[in-house]
Amino acid sequence: MAELKIRDGDYVFDGVGGAVRVKGRDALLQRVLFKLTARRNGFLFLDNLGSTLHTLAGITASQRQSAAEAAVAQALADEENLQVEQVELDGDQLTVQLNYGGEKLDLQLTVQ
């Protein structure tokens, strides 16, 4: 199933009145990024959408790594055929290694 492509928080249009769509690996990566950057409980009626990564600043340094791992696992729990292999937090840089049906995917983002 194809999803609408999002760039910088807006839909991407094709220049002829339609919207660009993504599917497969690209759609998965787009969903993962959205779920990790959206604040959990920030959407009315979608209580399980998003992550708690935005709360890491209020957690002691010794507990941030395990809190980041838990936040990523929780945010991505409903994605089929996706396993979180590794989560590394270095300051405000988060690196996530995923396995999607045997394909390795790496993703980096800044935690704010």
N, C-alpha and C. Protein backbone atom coordinates (compact mmCIF):
# COMPACT_ATOMS: atom_id res chain seq x y z
N MET A 1 0.84 -1.18 0.00
CA MET A 1 0.00 0.00 0.00
C MET A 1 0.89 1.25 0.00
N ALA A 2 0.61 2.17 -0.86
CA ALA A 2 1.39 3.40 -0.96
C ALA A 2 0.86 4.44 0.02
N GLU A 3 1.78 5.24 0.53
CA GLU A 3 1.44 6.32 1.46
C GLU A 3 1.87 7.64 0.85
N LEU A 4 1.24 8.70 1.29
CA LEU A 4 1.62 10.03 0.81
C LEU A 4 3.01 10.38 1.35
N LYS A 5 3.84 10.92 0.48
CA LYS A 5 5.20 11.30 0.87
C LYS A 5 5.17 12.62 1.63
N ILE A 6 5.92 12.65 2.72
CA ILE A 6 6.01 13.85 3.55
C ILE A 6 7.46 14.30 3.59
N ARG A 7 7.67 15.61 3.41
CA ARG A 7 9.01 16.19 3.52
C ARG A 7 8.88 17.48 4.33
N ASP A 8 9.66 17.59 5.37
CA ASP A 8 9.65 18.78 6.24
C ASP A 8 8.25 19.09 6.77
N GLY A 9 7.49 18.04 7.07
CA GLY A 9 6.18 18.20 7.67
C GLY A 9 5.05 18.49 6.70
N ASP A 10 5.34 18.53 5.40
CA ASP A 10 4.31 18.80 4.39
C ASP A 10 4.27 17.69 3.37
N TYR A 11 3.11 17.52 2.75
CA TYR A 11 2.99 16.56 1.66
C TYR A 11 3.79 17.06 0.46
N VAL A 12 4.31 16.12 -0.31
CA VAL A 12 5.07 16.44 -1.51
C VAL A 12 4.14 16.26 -2.71
N PHE A 13 4.07 17.30 -3.54
CA PHE A 13 3.19 17.26 -4.70
C PHE A 13 3.99 16.98 -5.97
N ASP A 14 3.33 16.39 -6.96
CA ASP A 14 4.02 15.97 -8.18
C ASP A 14 4.05 17.04 -9.27
N GLY A 15 3.47 18.19 -9.04
CA GLY A 15 3.51 19.27 -10.02
C GLY A 15 2.38 19.26 -11.02
N VAL A 16 1.56 18.22 -11.01
CA VAL A 16 0.43 18.15 -11.94
C VAL A 16 -0.89 17.91 -11.20
N GLY A 17 -0.94 18.39 -9.97
CA GLY A 17 -2.18 18.30 -9.22
C GLY A 17 -2.33 17.10 -8.31
N GLY A 18 -1.34 16.24 -8.27
CA GLY A 18 -1.42 15.06 -7.41
C GLY A 18 -0.33 15.08 -6.35
N ALA A 19 -0.38 14.11 -5.51
CA ALA A 19 0.61 13.98 -4.45
C ALA A 19 1.53 12.80 -4.76
N VAL A 20 2.79 12.93 -4.36
CA VAL A 20 3.77 11.86 -4.54
C VAL A 20 3.49 10.79 -3.48
N ARG A 21 3.59 9.54 -3.88
CA ARG A 21 3.37 8.43 -2.96
C ARG A 21 4.65 7.61 -2.82
N VAL A 22 4.79 6.99 -1.66
CA VAL A 22 5.92 6.10 -1.40
C VAL A 22 5.38 4.76 -0.94
N LYS A 23 6.16 3.71 -1.15
CA LYS A 23 5.74 2.39 -0.69
C LYS A 23 6.97 1.59 -0.30
N GLY A 24 6.72 0.42 0.28
CA GLY A 24 7.80 -0.47 0.66
C GLY A 24 8.73 0.12 1.69
N ARG A 25 10.01 -0.02 1.44
CA ARG A 25 11.05 0.43 2.37
C ARG A 25 10.95 1.93 2.66
N ASP A 26 10.70 2.74 1.62
CA ASP A 26 10.61 4.19 1.81
C ASP A 26 9.42 4.57 2.69
N ALA A 27 8.30 3.89 2.50
CA ALA A 27 7.12 4.16 3.33
C ALA A 27 7.39 3.76 4.78
N LEU A 28 8.07 2.64 4.97
CA LEU A 28 8.40 2.20 6.32
C LEU A 28 9.30 3.22 7.01
N LEU A 29 10.36 3.65 6.33
CA LEU A 29 11.27 4.63 6.94
C LEU A 29 10.55 5.93 7.26
N GLN A 30 9.65 6.35 6.41
CA GLN A 30 8.87 7.56 6.68
C GLN A 30 8.00 7.38 7.92
N ARG A 31 7.34 6.23 8.04
CA ARG A 31 6.51 5.95 9.22
C ARG A 31 7.34 5.90 10.49
N VAL A 32 8.50 5.23 10.41
CA VAL A 32 9.37 5.11 11.58
C VAL A 32 9.83 6.48 12.05
N LEU A 33 10.29 7.32 11.13
CA LEU A 33 10.71 8.67 11.51
C LEU A 33 9.57 9.46 12.13
N PHE A 34 8.39 9.33 11.55
CA PHE A 34 7.23 10.03 12.11
C PHE A 34 6.93 9.55 13.52
N LYS A 35 6.90 8.24 13.70
CA LYS A 35 6.57 7.69 15.01
C LYS A 35 7.61 8.06 16.06
N LEU A 36 8.87 8.16 15.68
CA LEU A 36 9.91 8.50 16.64
C LEU A 36 9.94 9.98 16.98
N THR A 37 9.54 10.83 16.05
CA THR A 37 9.61 12.27 16.31
C THR A 37 8.30 12.86 16.84
N ALA A 38 7.19 12.18 16.61
CA ALA A 38 5.91 12.66 17.13
C ALA A 38 5.85 12.39 18.64
N ARG A 39 5.27 13.32 19.37
CA ARG A 39 5.14 13.14 20.83
C ARG A 39 3.99 12.20 21.15
N ARG A 40 4.29 11.19 21.94
CA ARG A 40 3.28 10.22 22.34
C ARG A 40 2.18 10.94 23.13
N ASN A 41 0.94 10.56 22.91
CA ASN A 41 -0.25 11.17 23.50
C ASN A 41 -0.50 12.57 22.97
N GLY A 42 0.13 12.91 21.84
CA GLY A 42 -0.06 14.23 21.26
C GLY A 42 -1.19 14.29 20.24
N PHE A 43 -1.82 13.14 19.98
CA PHE A 43 -2.88 13.08 18.98
C PHE A 43 -4.16 12.55 19.63
N LEU A 44 -5.19 13.35 19.58
CA LEU A 44 -6.47 12.95 20.14
C LEU A 44 -6.96 11.68 19.45
N PHE A 45 -7.35 10.71 20.21
CA PHE A 45 -7.86 9.41 19.75
C PHE A 45 -6.77 8.48 19.24
N LEU A 46 -5.52 8.89 19.25
CA LEU A 46 -4.40 8.03 18.83
C LEU A 46 -3.37 8.00 19.96
N ASP A 47 -3.78 7.48 21.10
CA ASP A 47 -2.95 7.50 22.29
C ASP A 47 -1.63 6.76 22.14
N ASN A 48 -1.57 5.76 21.27
CA ASN A 48 -0.37 4.94 21.14
C ASN A 48 0.56 5.39 20.03
N LEU A 49 0.26 6.50 19.38
CA LEU A 49 1.10 7.01 18.30
C LEU A 49 2.17 7.93 18.85
N GLY A 50 3.40 7.75 18.40
CA GLY A 50 4.49 8.63 18.79
C GLY A 50 5.40 7.98 19.81
N SER A 51 6.37 8.77 20.26
CA SER A 51 7.35 8.25 21.22
C SER A 51 7.50 9.21 22.40
N THR A 52 8.21 8.73 23.38
CA THR A 52 8.52 9.54 24.57
C THR A 52 9.96 10.04 24.52
N LEU A 53 10.58 10.04 23.35
CA LEU A 53 11.97 10.49 23.23
C LEU A 53 12.15 11.94 23.68
N HIS A 54 11.11 12.75 23.53
CA HIS A 54 11.20 14.16 23.94
C HIS A 54 11.38 14.32 25.44
N THR A 55 11.15 13.27 26.21
CA THR A 55 11.29 13.37 27.68
C THR A 55 12.70 13.02 28.16
N LEU A 56 13.59 12.65 27.25
CA LEU A 56 14.93 12.22 27.67
C LEU A 56 15.72 13.31 28.39
N ALA A 57 15.47 14.55 28.06
CA ALA A 57 16.21 15.65 28.71
C ALA A 57 15.96 15.68 30.22
N GLY A 58 14.83 15.21 30.66
CA GLY A 58 14.49 15.22 32.08
C GLY A 58 14.91 13.97 32.83
N ILE A 59 15.65 13.08 32.16
CA ILE A 59 16.07 11.82 32.76
C ILE A 59 17.56 11.89 33.06
N THR A 60 17.98 11.31 34.17
CA THR A 60 19.40 11.34 34.52
C THR A 60 20.24 10.68 33.43
N ALA A 61 21.46 11.16 33.29
CA ALA A 61 22.35 10.68 32.22
C ALA A 61 22.55 9.17 32.27
N SER A 62 22.60 8.60 33.46
CA SER A 62 22.83 7.16 33.59
C SER A 62 21.64 6.32 33.11
N GLN A 63 20.46 6.92 33.03
CA GLN A 63 19.27 6.19 32.63
C GLN A 63 18.78 6.53 31.22
N ARG A 64 19.44 7.50 30.56
CA ARG A 64 18.97 7.94 29.24
C ARG A 64 19.04 6.85 28.18
N GLN A 65 20.11 6.07 28.16
CA GLN A 65 20.26 5.04 27.14
C GLN A 65 19.12 4.02 27.23
N SER A 66 18.86 3.52 28.42
CA SER A 66 17.80 2.52 28.55
C SER A 66 16.43 3.15 28.30
N ALA A 67 16.25 4.41 28.65
CA ALA A 67 14.97 5.09 28.37
C ALA A 67 14.79 5.28 26.86
N ALA A 68 15.88 5.57 26.15
CA ALA A 68 15.80 5.72 24.69
C ALA A 68 15.45 4.39 24.04
N GLU A 69 16.06 3.31 24.50
CA GLU A 69 15.76 1.98 23.97
C GLU A 69 14.29 1.63 24.18
N ALA A 70 13.78 1.91 25.38
CA ALA A 70 12.38 1.61 25.68
C ALA A 70 11.44 2.47 24.84
N ALA A 71 11.78 3.75 24.66
CA ALA A 71 10.93 4.65 23.87
C ALA A 71 10.86 4.21 22.41
N VAL A 72 11.99 3.81 21.84
CA VAL A 72 12.01 3.35 20.45
C VAL A 72 11.20 2.07 20.30
N ALA A 73 11.42 1.12 21.20
CA ALA A 73 10.68 -0.15 21.13
C ALA A 73 9.18 0.08 21.25
N GLN A 74 8.78 0.95 22.15
CA GLN A 74 7.36 1.23 22.35
C GLN A 74 6.74 1.91 21.12
N ALA A 75 7.45 2.87 20.55
CA ALA A 75 6.92 3.61 19.41
C ALA A 75 6.76 2.74 18.17
N LEU A 76 7.63 1.74 18.03
CA LEU A 76 7.63 0.92 16.81
C LEU A 76 7.02 -0.47 17.01
N ALA A 77 6.44 -0.72 18.16
CA ALA A 77 5.92 -2.05 18.49
C ALA A 77 4.85 -2.55 17.52
N ASP A 78 4.10 -1.66 16.92
CA ASP A 78 3.00 -2.10 16.05
C ASP A 78 3.41 -2.30 14.58
N GLU A 79 4.68 -2.10 14.26
CA GLU A 79 5.15 -2.29 12.88
C GLU A 79 5.44 -3.77 12.65
N GLU A 80 4.74 -4.35 11.69
CA GLU A 80 4.93 -5.77 11.37
C GLU A 80 6.26 -6.00 10.67
N ASN A 81 6.88 -7.13 10.96
CA ASN A 81 8.14 -7.55 10.34
C ASN A 81 9.30 -6.60 10.63
N LEU A 82 9.19 -5.80 11.67
CA LEU A 82 10.25 -4.85 12.02
C LEU A 82 10.77 -5.16 13.41
N GLN A 83 12.07 -5.36 13.50
CA GLN A 83 12.71 -5.58 14.79
C GLN A 83 13.73 -4.48 15.02
N VAL A 84 13.75 -3.97 16.24
CA VAL A 84 14.76 -2.99 16.63
C VAL A 84 15.99 -3.79 17.07
N GLU A 85 17.08 -3.64 16.35
CA GLU A 85 18.31 -4.39 16.64
C GLU A 85 19.17 -3.67 17.67
N GLN A 86 19.32 -2.35 17.50
CA GLN A 86 20.21 -1.61 18.39
C GLN A 86 19.78 -0.15 18.43
N VAL A 87 19.92 0.45 19.60
CA VAL A 87 19.64 1.87 19.79
C VAL A 87 20.84 2.46 20.50
N GLU A 88 21.41 3.52 19.93
CA GLU A 88 22.54 4.20 20.55
C GLU A 88 22.22 5.67 20.69
N LEU A 89 22.42 6.18 21.88
CA LEU A 89 22.18 7.60 22.15
C LEU A 89 23.53 8.22 22.51
N ASP A 90 23.94 9.21 21.73
CA ASP A 90 25.20 9.92 21.97
C ASP A 90 24.86 11.40 22.04
N GLY A 91 24.72 11.91 23.25
CA GLY A 91 24.26 13.28 23.43
C GLY A 91 22.82 13.39 22.96
N ASP A 92 22.58 14.20 21.95
CA ASP A 92 21.22 14.32 21.40
C ASP A 92 21.08 13.60 20.06
N GLN A 93 22.08 12.82 19.68
CA GLN A 93 22.04 12.06 18.42
C GLN A 93 21.62 10.62 18.71
N LEU A 94 20.57 10.18 18.06
CA LEU A 94 20.05 8.83 18.23
C LEU A 94 20.28 8.05 16.95
N THR A 95 20.88 6.88 17.08
CA THR A 95 21.09 5.98 15.96
C THR A 95 20.29 4.71 16.24
N VAL A 96 19.47 4.30 15.28
CA VAL A 96 18.63 3.12 15.44
C VAL A 96 18.95 2.17 14.30
N GLN A 97 19.25 0.93 14.65
CA GLN A 97 19.46 -0.11 13.65
C GLN A 97 18.24 -1.03 13.68
N LEU A 98 17.65 -1.22 12.50
CA LEU A 98 16.43 -1.99 12.38
C LEU A 98 16.64 -3.17 11.44
N ASN A 99 15.79 -4.17 11.59
CA ASN A 99 15.75 -5.30 10.68
C ASN A 99 14.32 -5.39 10.17
N TYR A 100 14.16 -5.21 8.87
CA TYR A 100 12.83 -5.24 8.26
C TYR A 100 12.78 -6.40 7.27
N GLY A 101 12.25 -7.51 7.71
CA GLY A 101 12.15 -8.68 6.85
C GLY A 101 13.49 -9.15 6.33
N GLY A 102 14.53 -9.06 7.14
CA GLY A 102 15.86 -9.49 6.75
C GLY A 102 16.74 -8.37 6.21
N GLU A 103 16.16 -7.22 5.91
CA GLU A 103 16.93 -6.09 5.41
C GLU A 103 17.33 -5.19 6.57
N LYS A 104 18.60 -4.86 6.64
CA LYS A 104 19.12 -3.98 7.69
C LYS A 104 18.90 -2.53 7.29
N LEU A 105 18.35 -1.75 8.21
CA LEU A 105 18.10 -0.33 7.98
C LEU A 105 18.71 0.47 9.13
N ASP A 106 19.44 1.51 8.81
CA ASP A 106 20.00 2.40 9.82
C ASP A 106 19.35 3.75 9.69
N LEU A 107 19.15 4.37 10.83
CA LEU A 107 18.42 5.63 10.88
C LEU A 107 19.05 6.49 11.95
N GLN A 108 19.22 7.77 11.67
CA GLN A 108 19.76 8.71 12.65
C GLN A 108 18.84 9.91 12.75
N LEU A 109 18.69 10.41 13.97
CA LEU A 109 17.92 11.61 14.18
C LEU A 109 18.40 12.33 15.41
N THR A 110 18.04 13.59 15.50
CA THR A 110 18.38 14.40 16.65
C THR A 110 17.20 14.40 17.61
N VAL A 111 17.48 14.10 18.87
CA VAL A 111 16.43 14.08 19.89
C VAL A 111 16.36 15.46 20.51
N GLN A 112 15.17 16.02 20.51
CA GLN A 112 14.99 17.37 21.06
C GLN A 112 14.10 17.36 22.27
